[in-house]
C-alpha atoms as a PDB file:
ATOM      1  CA  MET A   1      19.909  86.931 156.916  1.00  0.00           C
ATOM      2  CA  PHE A   2      22.819  85.663 154.846  1.00  0.00           C
ATOM      3  CA  VAL A   3      22.208  83.939 151.518  1.00  0.00           C
ATOM      4  CA  ILE A   4      24.449  80.969 150.789  1.00  0.00           C
ATOM      5  CA  ILE A   5      25.134  80.839 147.061  1.00  0.00           C
ATOM      6  CA  GLN A   6      25.585  77.431 145.515  1.00  0.00           C
ATOM      7  CA  HIS A   7      28.126  77.716 142.728  1.00  0.00           C
ATOM      8  CA  SER A   8      26.797  74.736 140.838  1.00  0.00           C
ATOM      9  CA  ARG A   9      24.667  75.094 137.721  1.00  0.00           C
ATOM     10  CA  PRO A  10      21.227  76.344 138.909  1.00  0.00           C
ATOM     11  CA  LYS A  11      18.189  74.410 137.782  1.00  0.00           C
ATOM     12  CA  GLU A  12      15.653  76.164 135.584  1.00  0.00           C
ATOM     13  CA  THR A  13      12.662  77.198 137.672  1.00  0.00           C
ATOM     14  CA  ARG A  14       9.050  76.385 136.872  1.00  0.00           C
ATOM     15  CA  SER A  15       8.490  80.063 136.131  1.00  0.00           C
ATOM     16  CA  GLU A  16      11.337  80.090 133.601  1.00  0.00           C
ATOM     17  CA  LYS A  17       9.956  77.009 131.872  1.00  0.00           C
ATOM     18  CA  ARG A  18       6.463  78.482 131.828  1.00  0.00           C
ATOM     19  CA  THR A  19       7.384  81.916 130.477  1.00  0.00           C
ATOM     20  CA  GLY A  20      10.048  80.814 128.041  1.00  0.00           C
ATOM     21  CA  LYS A  21      11.992  83.984 128.866  1.00  0.00           C
ATOM     22  CA  ALA A  22      14.983  82.321 130.467  1.00  0.00           C
ATOM     23  CA  MET A  23      18.417  82.985 129.051  1.00  0.00           C
ATOM     24  CA  ASN A  24      19.762  80.376 126.671  1.00  0.00           C
ATOM     25  CA  GLU A  25      21.116  77.489 128.760  1.00  0.00           C
ATOM     26  CA  GLY A  26      23.223  76.042 125.947  1.00  0.00           C
ATOM     27  CA  GLN A  27      26.706  74.734 126.566  1.00  0.00           C
ATOM     28  CA  ARG A  28      28.563  77.011 124.119  1.00  0.00           C
ATOM     29  CA  GLU A  29      31.313  78.976 125.798  1.00  0.00           C
ATOM     30  CA  LEU A  30      30.785  82.726 125.951  1.00  0.00           C
ATOM     31  CA  THR A  31      33.062  85.636 126.641  1.00  0.00           C
ATOM     32  CA  MET A  32      31.976  88.174 129.228  1.00  0.00           C
ATOM     33  CA  GLY A  33      31.112  90.588 126.440  1.00  0.00           C
ATOM     34  CA  GLU A  34      28.913  88.008 124.701  1.00  0.00           C
ATOM     35  CA  ALA A  35      27.218  87.026 127.953  1.00  0.00           C
ATOM     36  CA  LEU A  36      26.496  90.671 128.725  1.00  0.00           C
ATOM     37  CA  ALA A  37      24.958  91.194 125.279  1.00  0.00           C
ATOM     38  CA  GLU A  38      22.784  88.119 125.720  1.00  0.00           C
ATOM     39  CA  ALA A  39      21.687  89.196 129.204  1.00  0.00           C
ATOM     40  CA  SER A  40      20.980  92.763 128.114  1.00  0.00           C
ATOM     41  CA  ALA A  41      18.634  91.493 125.411  1.00  0.00           C
ATOM     42  CA  VAL A  42      16.771  89.300 127.911  1.00  0.00           C
ATOM     43  CA  LEU A  43      16.375  92.127 130.410  1.00  0.00           C
ATOM     44  CA  ARG A  44      15.387  94.622 127.735  1.00  0.00           C
ATOM     45  CA  SER A  45      12.655  92.284 126.484  1.00  0.00           C
ATOM     46  CA  ALA A  46      11.407  91.985 130.085  1.00  0.00           C
ATOM     47  CA  GLY A  47      10.978  95.757 130.290  1.00  0.00           C
ATOM     48  CA  ILE A  48      14.012  96.474 132.472  1.00  0.00           C
ATOM     49  CA  ASP A  49      15.392  99.992 132.126  1.00  0.00           C
ATOM     50  CA  GLU A  50      19.175 100.328 131.845  1.00  0.00           C
ATOM     51  CA  SER A  51      19.395  96.664 130.920  1.00  0.00           C
ATOM     52  CA  ARG A  52      23.115  96.823 130.067  1.00  0.00           C
ATOM     53  CA  ARG A  53      24.030  98.401 133.392  1.00  0.00           C
ATOM     54  CA  GLU A  54      21.946  95.905 135.349  1.00  0.00           C
ATOM     55  CA  ALA A  55      23.417  92.989 133.411  1.00  0.00           C
ATOM     56  CA  GLY A  56      26.874  94.283 134.306  1.00  0.00           C
ATOM     57  CA  SER A  57      25.923  94.485 137.989  1.00  0.00           C
ATOM     58  CA  LEU A  58      24.635  90.922 137.940  1.00  0.00           C
ATOM     59  CA  LEU A  59      27.763  89.606 136.228  1.00  0.00           C
ATOM     60  CA  ALA A  60      29.957  91.427 138.733  1.00  0.00           C
ATOM     61  CA  HIS A  61      27.924  89.830 141.523  1.00  0.00           C
ATOM     62  CA  ALA A  62      28.210  86.360 139.985  1.00  0.00           C
ATOM     63  CA  LEU A  63      31.975  86.705 139.612  1.00  0.00           C
ATOM     64  CA  LYS A  64      32.467  88.559 142.929  1.00  0.00           C
ATOM     65  CA  ARG A  65      34.301  91.271 141.035  1.00  0.00           C
ATOM     66  CA  ASP A  66      33.715  95.000 140.548  1.00  0.00           C
ATOM     67  CA  ARG A  67      32.254  96.663 137.465  1.00  0.00           C
ATOM     68  CA  THR A  68      35.676  97.872 136.328  1.00  0.00           C
ATOM     69  CA  TYR A  69      36.902  94.289 136.041  1.00  0.00           C
ATOM     70  CA  ILE A  70      33.891  93.396 133.890  1.00  0.00           C
ATOM     71  CA  LEU A  71      34.477  96.334 131.555  1.00  0.00           C
ATOM     72  CA  THR A  72      38.175  95.617 131.121  1.00  0.00           C
ATOM     73  CA  HIS A  73      37.922  91.852 130.587  1.00  0.00           C
ATOM     74  CA  ALA A  74      35.180  91.619 127.970  1.00  0.00           C
ATOM     75  CA  GLU A  75      37.139  89.034 125.926  1.00  0.00           C
ATOM     76  CA  ARG A  76      37.650  86.653 128.830  1.00  0.00           C
ATOM     77  CA  THR A  77      35.785  83.347 128.455  1.00  0.00           C
ATOM     78  CA  LEU A  78      33.460  82.605 131.348  1.00  0.00           C
ATOM     79  CA  ALA A  79      33.762  79.334 133.241  1.00  0.00           C
ATOM     80  CA  SER A  80      30.642  77.210 132.794  1.00  0.00           C
ATOM     81  CA  ARG A  81      29.614  77.467 136.454  1.00  0.00           C
ATOM     82  CA  ASP A  82      30.024  81.267 136.392  1.00  0.00           C
ATOM     83  CA  LEU A  83      27.936  81.526 133.242  1.00  0.00           C
ATOM     84  CA  ALA A  84      25.227  79.299 134.745  1.00  0.00           C
ATOM     85  CA  LEU A  85      25.112  81.379 137.910  1.00  0.00           C
ATOM     86  CA  PHE A  86      24.976  84.618 135.914  1.00  0.00           C
ATOM     87  CA  ARG A  87      22.114  83.302 133.783  1.00  0.00           C
ATOM     88  CA  HIS A  88      20.271  82.267 136.930  1.00  0.00           C
ATOM     89  CA  TYR A  89      20.523  85.824 138.291  1.00  0.00           C
ATOM     90  CA  VAL A  90      19.450  87.331 134.967  1.00  0.00           C
ATOM     91  CA  ASN A  91      16.400  85.086 134.804  1.00  0.00           C
ATOM     92  CA  ARG A  92      15.407  86.165 138.309  1.00  0.00           C
ATOM     93  CA  ARG A  93      15.753  89.813 137.318  1.00  0.00           C
ATOM     94  CA  ALA A  94      13.764  89.210 134.126  1.00  0.00           C
ATOM     95  CA  ARG A  95      10.898  88.076 136.372  1.00  0.00           C
ATOM     96  CA  ARG A  96      11.199  91.578 137.887  1.00  0.00           C
ATOM     97  CA  GLU A  97      12.794  90.567 141.177  1.00  0.00           C
ATOM     98  CA  PRO A  98      14.628  93.704 142.348  1.00  0.00           C
ATOM     99  CA  LEU A  99      18.332  93.832 141.591  1.00  0.00           C
ATOM    100  CA  GLN A 100      19.050  94.706 145.230  1.00  0.00           C
ATOM    101  CA  TYR A 101      17.412  91.519 146.516  1.00  0.00           C
ATOM    102  CA  ILE A 102      19.438  89.449 144.079  1.00  0.00           C
ATOM    103  CA  THR A 103      22.767  91.026 145.006  1.00  0.00           C
ATOM    104  CA  GLY A 104      21.776  91.426 148.671  1.00  0.00           C
ATOM    105  CA  HIS A 105      22.891  95.017 149.105  1.00  0.00           C
ATOM    106  CA  THR A 106      22.451  98.630 148.009  1.00  0.00           C
ATOM    107  CA  GLU A 107      24.020 102.027 148.622  1.00  0.00           C
ATOM    108  CA  PHE A 108      22.388 104.640 150.843  1.00  0.00           C
ATOM    109  CA  TYR A 109      23.965 107.887 152.037  1.00  0.00           C
ATOM    110  CA  GLY A 110      27.379 106.699 150.870  1.00  0.00           C
ATOM    111  CA  LEU A 111      27.178 103.444 152.840  1.00  0.00           C
ATOM    112  CA  ASP A 112      26.615  99.886 151.644  1.00  0.00           C
ATOM    113  CA  PHE A 113      23.537  98.303 153.253  1.00  0.00           C
ATOM    114  CA  ILE A 114      22.453  94.682 153.393  1.00  0.00           C
ATOM    115  CA  VAL A 115      18.912  94.225 152.081  1.00  0.00           C
ATOM    116  CA  THR A 116      16.664  91.173 152.002  1.00  0.00           C
ATOM    117  CA  PRO A 117      12.991  90.706 151.055  1.00  0.00           C
ATOM    118  CA  ASP A 118      12.185  91.383 154.728  1.00  0.00           C
ATOM    119  CA  VAL A 119      12.886  95.103 154.309  1.00  0.00           C
ATOM    120  CA  LEU A 120      12.124  97.909 151.900  1.00  0.00           C
ATOM    121  CA  ILE A 121      14.925  98.789 149.528  1.00  0.00           C
ATOM    122  CA  PRO A 122      16.409 102.158 150.607  1.00  0.00           C
ATOM    123  CA  ARG A 123      15.765 104.871 148.031  1.00  0.00           C
ATOM    124  CA  PRO A 124      17.561 108.121 147.226  1.00  0.00           C
ATOM    125  CA  GLU A 125      14.619 110.326 148.282  1.00  0.00           C
ATOM    126  CA  THR A 126      14.817 108.900 151.809  1.00  0.00           C
ATOM    127  CA  GLU A 127      18.267 110.472 152.121  1.00  0.00           C
ATOM    128  CA  LEU A 128      16.348 113.746 152.587  1.00  0.00           C
ATOM    129  CA  VAL A 129      15.239 112.461 156.004  1.00  0.00           C
ATOM    130  CA  VAL A 130      18.893 112.063 156.963  1.00  0.00           C
ATOM    131  CA  ASP A 131      19.752 115.530 155.613  1.00  0.00           C
ATOM    132  CA  CYS A 132      16.927 117.204 157.535  1.00  0.00           C
ATOM    133  CA  ALA A 133      17.786 115.359 160.727  1.00  0.00           C
ATOM    134  CA  LEU A 134      21.454 116.329 160.539  1.00  0.00           C
ATOM    135  CA  GLU A 135      20.552 119.976 159.996  1.00  0.00           C
ATOM    136  CA  SER A 136      18.218 119.859 162.984  1.00  0.00           C
ATOM    137  CA  LEU A 137      20.906 118.390 165.251  1.00  0.00           C
ATOM    138  CA  ARG A 138      23.761 120.616 164.138  1.00  0.00           C
ATOM    139  CA  ALA A 139      24.138 122.244 167.583  1.00  0.00           C
ATOM    140  CA  ASN A 140      23.608 119.057 169.610  1.00  0.00           C
ATOM    141  CA  PRO A 141      26.889 117.310 170.549  1.00  0.00           C
ATOM    142  CA  ALA A 142      25.344 114.016 171.699  1.00  0.00           C
ATOM    143  CA  PRO A 143      21.729 113.576 170.567  1.00  0.00           C
ATOM    144  CA  LEU A 144      19.391 110.716 171.343  1.00  0.00           C
ATOM    145  CA  LEU A 145      17.607 109.457 168.206  1.00  0.00           C
ATOM    146  CA  CYS A 146      14.543 107.324 167.552  1.00  0.00           C
ATOM    147  CA  ASP A 147      13.774 105.671 164.199  1.00  0.00           C
ATOM    148  CA  VAL A 148      10.152 104.520 163.862  1.00  0.00           C
ATOM    149  CA  GLY A 149       9.767 101.654 161.396  1.00  0.00           C
ATOM    150  CA  THR A 150      13.489 101.259 160.922  1.00  0.00           C
ATOM    151  CA  GLY A 151      13.384  98.472 158.288  1.00  0.00           C
ATOM    152  CA  SER A 152      16.947  97.966 157.053  1.00  0.00           C
ATOM    153  CA  GLY A 153      18.132 100.559 159.580  1.00  0.00           C
ATOM    154  CA  CYS A 154      19.384 102.771 156.759  1.00  0.00           C
ATOM    155  CA  ILE A 155      18.206 106.087 158.269  1.00  0.00           C
ATOM    156  CA  ILE A 156      19.414 105.657 161.827  1.00  0.00           C
ATOM    157  CA  VAL A 157      22.645 103.862 160.889  1.00  0.00           C
ATOM    158  CA  ALA A 158      23.467 106.659 158.430  1.00  0.00           C
ATOM    159  CA  LEU A 159      22.789 109.211 161.170  1.00  0.00           C
ATOM    160  CA  LEU A 160      24.945 107.392 163.708  1.00  0.00           C
ATOM    161  CA  ASN A 161      27.700 107.191 161.117  1.00  0.00           C
ATOM    162  CA  GLU A 162      27.623 110.988 160.826  1.00  0.00           C
ATOM    163  CA  LEU A 163      27.042 111.723 164.520  1.00  0.00           C
ATOM    164  CA  LYS A 164      29.772 109.837 166.358  1.00  0.00           C
ATOM    165  CA  ASN A 165      28.504 110.774 169.836  1.00  0.00           C
ATOM    166  CA  ALA A 166      24.846 110.047 169.139  1.00  0.00           C
ATOM    167  CA  ARG A 167      22.864 107.076 170.446  1.00  0.00           C
ATOM    168  CA  GLY A 168      19.614 105.683 169.132  1.00  0.00           C
ATOM    169  CA  VAL A 169      16.617 103.395 169.379  1.00  0.00           C
ATOM    170  CA  ALA A 170      15.342 101.547 166.294  1.00  0.00           C
ATOM    171  CA  LEU A 171      11.679 100.481 166.357  1.00  0.00           C
ATOM    172  CA  ASP A 172       9.977  98.038 164.002  1.00  0.00           C
ATOM    173  CA  LYS A 173       7.133  95.583 164.453  1.00  0.00           C
ATOM    174  CA  SER A 174       8.863  93.086 162.153  1.00  0.00           C
ATOM    175  CA  PRO A 175      11.482  90.963 163.992  1.00  0.00           C
ATOM    176  CA  ALA A 176      12.882  89.936 160.592  1.00  0.00           C
ATOM    177  CA  ALA A 177      13.443  93.586 159.658  1.00  0.00           C
ATOM    178  CA  LEU A 178      15.151  94.253 162.997  1.00  0.00           C
ATOM    179  CA  ALA A 179      17.516  91.343 162.289  1.00  0.00           C
ATOM    180  CA  VAL A 180      18.573  93.025 159.028  1.00  0.00           C
ATOM    181  CA  ALA A 181      18.960  96.383 160.793  1.00  0.00           C
ATOM    182  CA  LYS A 182      21.254  94.734 163.349  1.00  0.00           C
ATOM    183  CA  LEU A 183      23.428  93.363 160.546  1.00  0.00           C
ATOM    184  CA  ASN A 184      23.747  96.843 159.081  1.00  0.00           C
ATOM    185  CA  ALA A 185      24.503  98.420 162.447  1.00  0.00           C
ATOM    186  CA  THR A 186      27.239  95.819 162.936  1.00  0.00           C
ATOM    187  CA  ARG A 187      28.595  96.418 159.438  1.00  0.00           C
ATOM    188  CA  HIS A 188      28.872 100.153 160.058  1.00  0.00           C
ATOM    189  CA  GLU A 189      30.148  99.934 163.638  1.00  0.00           C
ATOM    190  CA  SER A 190      27.166 101.485 165.408  1.00  0.00           C
ATOM    191  CA  LEU A 191      25.720  98.418 167.137  1.00  0.00           C
ATOM    192  CA  ASN A 192      26.997  99.505 170.552  1.00  0.00           C
ATOM    193  CA  ARG A 193      25.136 102.827 170.249  1.00  0.00           C
ATOM    194  CA  LEU A 194      21.830 101.425 169.066  1.00  0.00           C
ATOM    195  CA  GLN A 195      18.994  99.631 170.843  1.00  0.00           C
ATOM    196  CA  PHE A 196      16.488  97.563 168.862  1.00  0.00           C
ATOM    197  CA  VAL A 197      12.875  97.273 169.977  1.00  0.00           C
ATOM    198  CA  SER A 198      10.086  95.244 168.391  1.00  0.00           C
ATOM    199  CA  ALA A 199       7.098  97.582 168.532  1.00  0.00           C
ATOM    200  CA  ASP A 200       4.155  99.005 166.626  1.00  0.00           C
ATOM    201  CA  LEU A 201       5.225 102.657 166.575  1.00  0.00           C
ATOM    202  CA  PHE A 202       5.832 103.749 170.204  1.00  0.00           C
ATOM    203  CA  ALA A 203       3.812 101.003 171.906  1.00  0.00           C
ATOM    204  CA  ALA A 204       6.786  99.321 173.622  1.00  0.00           C
ATOM    205  CA  LEU A 205       8.518 102.502 174.816  1.00  0.00           C
ATOM    206  CA  SER A 206       8.500 103.736 178.373  1.00  0.00           C
ATOM    207  CA  SER A 207       6.706 107.048 178.824  1.00  0.00           C
ATOM    208  CA  ALA A 208       9.973 108.296 180.305  1.00  0.00           C
ATOM    209  CA  ALA A 209      11.790 107.993 176.963  1.00  0.00           C
ATOM    210  CA  GLN A 210      12.773 111.441 175.717  1.00  0.00           C
ATOM    211  CA  PHE A 211      14.470 111.878 172.334  1.00  0.00           C
ATOM    212  CA  ASP A 212      16.053 114.850 170.616  1.00  0.00           C
ATOM    213  CA  ILE A 213      14.644 113.708 167.286  1.00  0.00           C
ATOM    214  CA  ILE A 214      12.258 111.099 165.913  1.00  0.00           C
ATOM    215  CA  VAL A 215      12.696 110.051 162.269  1.00  0.00           C
ATOM    216  CA  SER A 216      10.516 107.802 160.181  1.00  0.00           C
ATOM    217  CA  ASN A 217       9.859 106.456 156.704  1.00  0.00           C
ATOM    218  CA  PRO A 218       6.479 104.881 157.490  1.00  0.00           C
ATOM    219  CA  PRO A 219       4.198 102.808 155.271  1.00  0.00           C
ATOM    220  CA  TYR A 220       2.125 105.340 153.352  1.00  0.00           C
ATOM    221  CA  VAL A 221       0.981 103.829 150.047  1.00  0.00           C
ATOM    222  CA  ALA A 222      -2.810 103.614 149.881  1.00  0.00           C
ATOM    223  CA  GLU A 223      -4.002 100.033 149.536  1.00  0.00           C
ATOM    224  CA  LYS A 224      -5.997 100.994 146.436  1.00  0.00           C
ATOM    225  CA  ASP A 225      -2.804 102.258 144.762  1.00  0.00           C
ATOM    226  CA  LEU A 226      -0.834  99.019 145.143  1.00  0.00           C
ATOM    227  CA  PRO A 227      -1.866  97.552 141.757  1.00  0.00           C
ATOM    228  CA  ALA A 228      -0.363 100.585 139.998  1.00  0.00           C
ATOM    229  CA  LEU A 229       3.081 100.111 141.527  1.00  0.00           C
ATOM    230  CA  GLN A 230       5.985  98.674 139.565  1.00  0.00           C
ATOM    231  CA  PRO A 231       6.057  94.859 139.773  1.00  0.00           C
ATOM    232  CA  GLU A 232       9.406  95.032 141.587  1.00  0.00           C
ATOM    233  CA  VAL A 233       7.672  96.886 144.416  1.00  0.00           C
ATOM    234  CA  ARG A 234       4.214  95.327 144.271  1.00  0.00           C
ATOM    235  CA  GLU A 235       5.310  91.700 144.043  1.00  0.00           C
ATOM    236  CA  PHE A 236       8.546  91.608 146.039  1.00  0.00           C
ATOM    237  CA  GLU A 237       8.831  94.305 148.701  1.00  0.00           C
ATOM    238  CA  PRO A 238       7.200  93.612 152.085  1.00  0.00           C
ATOM    239  CA  ARG A 239       3.550  94.681 152.059  1.00  0.00           C
ATOM    240  CA  ILE A 240       3.657  95.576 155.754  1.00  0.00           C
ATOM    241  CA  ALA A 241       6.288  98.231 155.025  1.00  0.00           C
ATOM    242  CA  LEU A 242       4.488  99.619 151.970  1.00  0.00           C
ATOM    243  CA  THR A 243       0.933 100.245 153.060  1.00  0.00           C
ATOM    244  CA  PRO A 244      -0.971 100.834 156.293  1.00  0.00           C
ATOM    245  CA  GLY A 245      -4.133  99.559 154.595  1.00  0.00           C
ATOM    246  CA  ARG A 246      -7.158 101.542 153.543  1.00  0.00           C
ATOM    247  CA  ASP A 247      -6.259 104.607 155.603  1.00  0.00           C
ATOM    248  CA  GLU A 248      -3.056 105.839 153.960  1.00  0.00           C
ATOM    249  CA  LEU A 249      -2.764 108.650 156.533  1.00  0.00           C
ATOM    250  CA  GLY A 250      -3.241 106.396 159.549  1.00  0.00           C
ATOM    251  CA  VAL A 251       0.416 106.161 160.519  1.00  0.00           C
ATOM    252  CA  PHE A 252       0.891 109.920 160.116  1.00  0.00           C
ATOM    253  CA  ARG A 253      -2.045 110.562 162.469  1.00  0.00           C
ATOM    254  CA  ARG A 254      -0.460 108.348 165.096  1.00  0.00           C
ATOM    255  CA  LEU A 255       3.002 109.851 164.647  1.00  0.00           C
ATOM    256  CA  LEU A 256       1.733 113.402 165.002  1.00  0.00           C
ATOM    257  CA  ALA A 257      -0.440 112.531 167.988  1.00  0.00           C
ATOM    258  CA  ASP A 258       2.006 110.359 169.939  1.00  0.00           C
ATOM    259  CA  ALA A 259       5.471 111.696 169.126  1.00  0.00           C
ATOM    260  CA  PRO A 260       5.327 114.827 171.361  1.00  0.00           C
ATOM    261  CA  GLN A 261       5.288 112.779 174.561  1.00  0.00           C
ATOM    262  CA  PHE A 262       8.543 111.095 173.519  1.00  0.00           C
ATOM    263  CA  LEU A 263      10.327 114.294 172.480  1.00  0.00           C
ATOM    264  CA  ARG A 264      12.261 116.701 174.619  1.00  0.00           C
ATOM    265  CA  PRO A 265      11.117 120.341 174.523  1.00  0.00           C
ATOM    266  CA  ASP A 266      12.026 121.750 171.103  1.00  0.00           C
ATOM    267  CA  GLY A 267      12.678 118.214 169.823  1.00  0.00           C
ATOM    268  CA  TYR A 268      12.197 117.392 166.145  1.00  0.00           C
ATOM    269  CA  LEU A 269      10.059 115.031 164.094  1.00  0.00           C
ATOM    270  CA  VAL A 270      11.212 114.267 160.532  1.00  0.00           C
ATOM    271  CA  PHE A 271       9.336 111.889 158.263  1.00  0.00           C
ATOM    272  CA  GLU A 272       8.846 110.949 154.622  1.00  0.00           C
ATOM    273  CA  ALA A 273       5.479 111.108 152.857  1.00  0.00           C
ATOM    274  CA  GLY A 274       3.965 110.098 149.525  1.00  0.00           C
ATOM    275  CA  TRP A 275       3.813 112.120 146.337  1.00  0.00           C
ATOM    276  CA  ASN A 276       0.193 113.285 146.765  1.00  0.00           C
ATOM    277  CA  GLN A 277      -0.058 113.590 150.547  1.00  0.00           C
ATOM    278  CA  HIS A 278       1.388 117.015 151.291  1.00  0.00           C
ATOM    279  CA  ALA A 279      -1.895 118.908 151.684  1.00  0.00           C
ATOM    280  CA  ALA A 280      -3.658 116.182 153.670  1.00  0.00           C
ATOM    281  CA  ILE A 281      -0.771 115.772 156.117  1.00  0.00           C
ATOM    282  CA  THR A 282      -0.463 119.516 156.610  1.00  0.00           C
ATOM    283  CA  GLU A 283      -4.121 119.531 157.651  1.00  0.00           C
ATOM    284  CA  LEU A 284      -3.348 116.935 160.322  1.00  0.00           C
ATOM    285  CA  ILE A 285      -0.672 119.046 162.035  1.00  0.00           C
ATOM    286  CA  ASP A 286      -1.915 120.511 165.325  1.00  0.00           C
ATOM    287  CA  ALA A 287      -0.464 124.022 165.484  1.00  0.00           C
ATOM    288  CA  ARG A 288      -0.777 123.957 169.311  1.00  0.00           C
ATOM    289  CA  ARG A 289       1.728 121.109 169.495  1.00  0.00           C
ATOM    290  CA  TRP A 290       3.926 121.514 166.413  1.00  0.00           C
ATOM    291  CA  THR A 291       5.766 124.114 164.409  1.00  0.00           C
ATOM    292  CA  LEU A 292       6.038 123.039 160.779  1.00  0.00           C
ATOM    293  CA  LEU A 293       9.558 124.120 159.823  1.00  0.00           C
ATOM    294  CA  GLU A 294       9.619 122.903 156.234  1.00  0.00           C
ATOM    295  CA  VAL A 295       8.418 120.398 153.669  1.00  0.00           C
ATOM    296  CA  ARG A 296      11.417 119.551 151.536  1.00  0.00           C
ATOM    297  CA  ARG A 297      10.968 118.558 147.898  1.00  0.00           C
ATOM    298  CA  ASP A 298      12.808 115.675 146.262  1.00  0.00           C
ATOM    299  CA  LEU A 299      14.635 115.868 142.928  1.00  0.00           C
ATOM    300  CA  GLN A 300      11.349 115.453 141.067  1.00  0.00           C
ATOM    301  CA  GLY A 301       9.872 118.439 142.865  1.00  0.00           C
ATOM    302  CA  ILE A 302       7.540 116.318 145.015  1.00  0.00           C
ATOM    303  CA  PRO A 303       6.935 117.563 148.608  1.00  0.00           C
ATOM    304  CA  ARG A 304       8.601 114.603 150.276  1.00  0.00           C
ATOM    305  CA  THR A 305      10.047 115.249 153.745  1.00  0.00           C
ATOM    306  CA  PHE A 306       8.311 116.975 156.658  1.00  0.00           C
ATOM    307  CA  ARG A 307      10.377 118.592 159.407  1.00  0.00           C
ATOM    308  CA  LEU A 308       8.530 119.690 162.539  1.00  0.00           C
ATOM    309  CA  GLN A 309       9.534 120.932 165.964  1.00  0.00           C
ATOM    310  CA  ARG A 310       7.674 120.257 169.159  1.00  0.00           C
ATOM    311  CA  LYS A 311       6.301 123.312 170.868  1.00  0.00           C
ATOM    312  CA  ILE A 312       7.130 123.647 174.547  1.00  0.00           C
END
């Protein structure tokens, strides 16, 4: 989904009028440095961490320039339409809309991915899934991959970017998410090695499908925990990709039960889990069907990524 940006002066939204937190819409000319200071104050008052950095990212997006240009041209006076567009973006961010949805992209595993409100925003901890998968496939010259709940396609596209002879299948029950994943596969030149299937987990796959590895970042936030999430996540990211409902372990049960029939002997299953789910998921692993190779911790020390191997 491409967003067409109108470069005319955006109208103030009802929310901006109601909250009174919109940036000053006055007509006085501002330099980039002055506009950044104004925006930083607005974002800081809205509770945004790293307000100066985020303001710089939004100004770079408005001007279609990089951050270096912004830093080296602080005295340049902004054109009125550029200032209006920048203020529009800042006001959206002040309402806690994620920066990545405003700019339409984010970095993951060294690649730039398109993101829209139809998909979760890729996060650094999910790169562990890619790391574990690559280590598992080190000796395989041409693996067949399956990504369950692909979302933006960040995991499988990153893997195909690293594994030039690999092929894959991306599964997601959201057609809108699959459309974004296709855009990212096209952007990173892996579309011809990737098949997209609209499915709830493995439901649409033939029983004859046999993969070398299955990867997944499934919905795992308990429904009761949603109110405690940051507003950027709770109010803007797709609920279907965040939570499976009341049973936060439901998707893990299905993955562990169904994945073996779609894996080749000695095939791997790698998936991400929540911060407090390590013990409960370990209890779900059937030792007759799986060997638990490792549970890798993220940078905060949280047991985050499970790597299992199918027993023959």
